[in-house]
């Protein structure tokens, strides 16, 4: 037996160098992943801002539609108030199955039907011939 400790410098040096290379590779991969995540987070934040703006516009548009429908309903009730034979009812609730993409078409139909009602009431009141 020798008094020298069990230590082989070249072999340990090689293992240490290999360990450092592996750690460097892991560090580089982690840094690349972190940069990719940072870029993705920036993109997602931009998308989120756009979606929030879309939501604000949708809420404002829905409120505008509700007000318009309520005004048309009140005008219809007022126009039909003198028709004592007619039972006036509360405004129906919105249809939850309606497609929001068709909102413009629905608004146009409300406008059309309200105008038709006002015209029919006007003709009846003033005894005008029906079309």
Protein backbone atom coordinates (compact mmCIF):
# COMPACT_ATOMS: atom_id res chain seq x y z
CA UNK A 1 0.00 0.00 0.00
CA UNK A 2 1.05 3.50 -0.71
CA UNK A 3 0.54 6.52 1.44
CA UNK A 4 -0.73 8.53 -1.52
CA UNK A 5 -4.44 9.29 -1.50
CA UNK A 6 -6.60 7.66 -4.11
CA UNK A 7 -6.74 10.51 -6.56
CA UNK A 8 -6.12 10.58 -10.24
CA UNK A 9 -5.78 14.16 -11.46
CA UNK A 10 -6.28 13.61 -15.20
CA UNK A 11 -9.41 11.50 -14.69
CA UNK A 12 -10.99 13.92 -12.19
CA UNK A 13 -10.08 16.78 -14.46
CA UNK A 14 -11.90 15.10 -17.33
CA UNK A 15 -14.97 14.39 -15.18
CA UNK A 16 -14.97 18.00 -13.94
CA UNK A 17 -14.68 19.34 -17.45
CA UNK A 18 -17.50 17.03 -18.64
CA UNK A 19 -19.66 18.15 -15.70
CA UNK A 20 -19.00 21.81 -16.57
CA UNK A 21 -19.88 21.19 -20.22
CA UNK A 22 -23.12 19.48 -19.26
CA UNK A 23 -24.01 22.33 -16.87
CA UNK A 24 -23.14 24.87 -19.59
CA UNK A 25 -25.42 23.06 -22.03
CA UNK A 26 -28.25 22.96 -19.49
CA UNK A 27 -27.70 26.65 -18.70
CA UNK A 28 -27.77 27.57 -22.39
CA UNK A 29 -30.95 25.55 -22.91
CA UNK A 30 -32.58 27.17 -19.85
CA UNK A 31 -31.57 30.63 -21.08
CA UNK A 32 -32.98 29.91 -24.55
CA UNK A 33 -36.19 28.61 -23.01
CA UNK A 34 -36.43 31.67 -20.78
CA UNK A 35 -35.97 33.98 -23.79
CA UNK A 36 -38.58 32.07 -25.77
CA UNK A 37 -40.99 32.30 -22.83
CA UNK A 38 -40.30 36.03 -22.49
CA UNK A 39 -41.09 36.58 -26.19
CA UNK A 40 -44.23 34.44 -25.91
CA UNK A 41 -45.36 36.36 -22.82
CA UNK A 42 -44.90 39.63 -24.72
CA UNK A 43 -47.00 38.29 -27.63
CA UNK A 44 -49.68 37.02 -25.28
CA UNK A 45 -49.81 40.36 -23.46
CA UNK A 46 -50.37 42.12 -26.79
CA UNK A 47 -53.14 39.66 -27.63
CA UNK A 48 -54.66 40.19 -24.20
CA UNK A 49 -54.75 43.95 -24.71
CA UNK A 50 -56.51 43.43 -28.05
CA UNK A 51 -59.00 41.01 -26.50
CA UNK A 52 -59.71 43.42 -23.65
CA UNK A 53 -60.40 46.18 -26.20
CA UNK A 54 -62.72 43.80 -28.07
CA UNK A 55 -64.55 43.00 -24.83
CA UNK A 56 -65.01 46.69 -24.03
CA UNK A 57 -66.44 47.28 -27.51
CA UNK A 58 -68.74 44.24 -27.18
CA UNK A 59 -70.04 45.41 -23.79
CA UNK A 60 -70.64 48.91 -25.15
CA UNK A 61 -72.38 47.47 -28.23
CA UNK A 62 -74.58 45.23 -26.11
CA UNK A 63 -75.55 48.17 -23.91
CA UNK A 64 -76.41 50.24 -26.97
CA UNK A 65 -78.59 47.44 -28.34
CA UNK A 66 -80.37 47.04 -24.99
CA UNK A 67 -81.13 50.77 -24.86
CA UNK A 68 -82.40 50.80 -28.46
CA UNK A 69 -84.64 47.78 -27.86
CA UNK A 70 -85.98 49.30 -24.65
CA UNK A 71 -86.77 52.59 -26.42
CA UNK A 72 -88.54 50.79 -29.26
CA UNK A 73 -90.51 48.70 -26.77
CA UNK A 74 -91.59 51.77 -24.81
CA UNK A 75 -92.60 53.51 -28.05
CA UNK A 76 -94.62 50.44 -29.07
CA UNK A 77 -96.41 50.36 -25.71
CA UNK A 78 -97.16 54.06 -25.96
CA UNK A 79 -98.50 53.68 -29.51
CA UNK A 80 -100.69 50.73 -28.54
CA UNK A 81 -101.90 52.15 -25.22
CA UNK A 82 -105.15 53.40 -26.78
CA UNK A 83 -105.93 49.95 -28.15
CA UNK A 84 -108.01 48.86 -25.16
CA UNK A 85 -108.78 45.47 -26.69
CA UNK A 86 -105.10 44.59 -26.78
CA UNK A 87 -103.35 43.04 -23.78
CA UNK A 88 -99.98 44.73 -23.39
CA UNK A 89 -97.22 42.61 -21.98
CA UNK A 90 -93.74 43.04 -20.62
CA UNK A 91 -90.85 43.09 -23.02
CA UNK A 92 -89.60 39.55 -23.66
CA UNK A 93 -86.16 38.62 -22.41
CA UNK A 94 -83.27 38.34 -24.89
CA UNK A 95 -82.86 34.99 -26.57
CA UNK A 96 -79.75 33.36 -25.05
CA UNK A 97 -79.34 31.15 -28.12
CA UNK A 98 -79.09 34.14 -30.50
CA UNK A 99 -75.82 34.37 -32.38
CA UNK A 100 -73.92 37.54 -31.38
CA UNK A 101 -72.41 37.66 -34.86
CA UNK A 102 -75.90 38.49 -36.19
CA UNK A 103 -76.38 41.50 -33.91
CA UNK A 104 -76.43 43.96 -36.81
CA UNK A 105 -79.16 41.95 -38.53
CA UNK A 106 -81.17 41.74 -35.30
CA UNK A 107 -80.88 45.49 -34.76
CA UNK A 108 -82.02 46.16 -38.32
CA UNK A 109 -85.00 43.87 -37.82
CA UNK A 110 -85.98 45.64 -34.60
CA UNK A 111 -85.80 48.97 -36.44
CA UNK A 112 -87.90 47.62 -39.32
CA UNK A 113 -90.56 46.07 -37.09
CA UNK A 114 -90.78 49.22 -34.95
CA UNK A 115 -91.26 51.35 -38.06
CA UNK A 116 -93.93 48.96 -39.36
CA UNK A 117 -95.80 49.13 -36.06
CA UNK A 118 -95.65 52.92 -35.94
CA UNK A 119 -96.92 53.10 -39.53
CA UNK A 120 -99.79 50.68 -38.82
CA UNK A 121 -100.81 52.66 -35.73
CA UNK A 122 -100.61 55.94 -37.64
CA UNK A 123 -102.78 54.59 -40.45
CA UNK A 124 -105.36 53.24 -38.01
CA UNK A 125 -105.56 56.48 -36.01
CA UNK A 126 -105.94 58.70 -39.01
CA UNK A 127 -108.14 56.33 -40.97
CA UNK A 128 -105.69 56.03 -43.81
CA UNK A 129 -106.15 53.15 -46.23
CA UNK A 130 -104.04 50.10 -45.62
CA UNK A 131 -101.30 49.34 -48.05
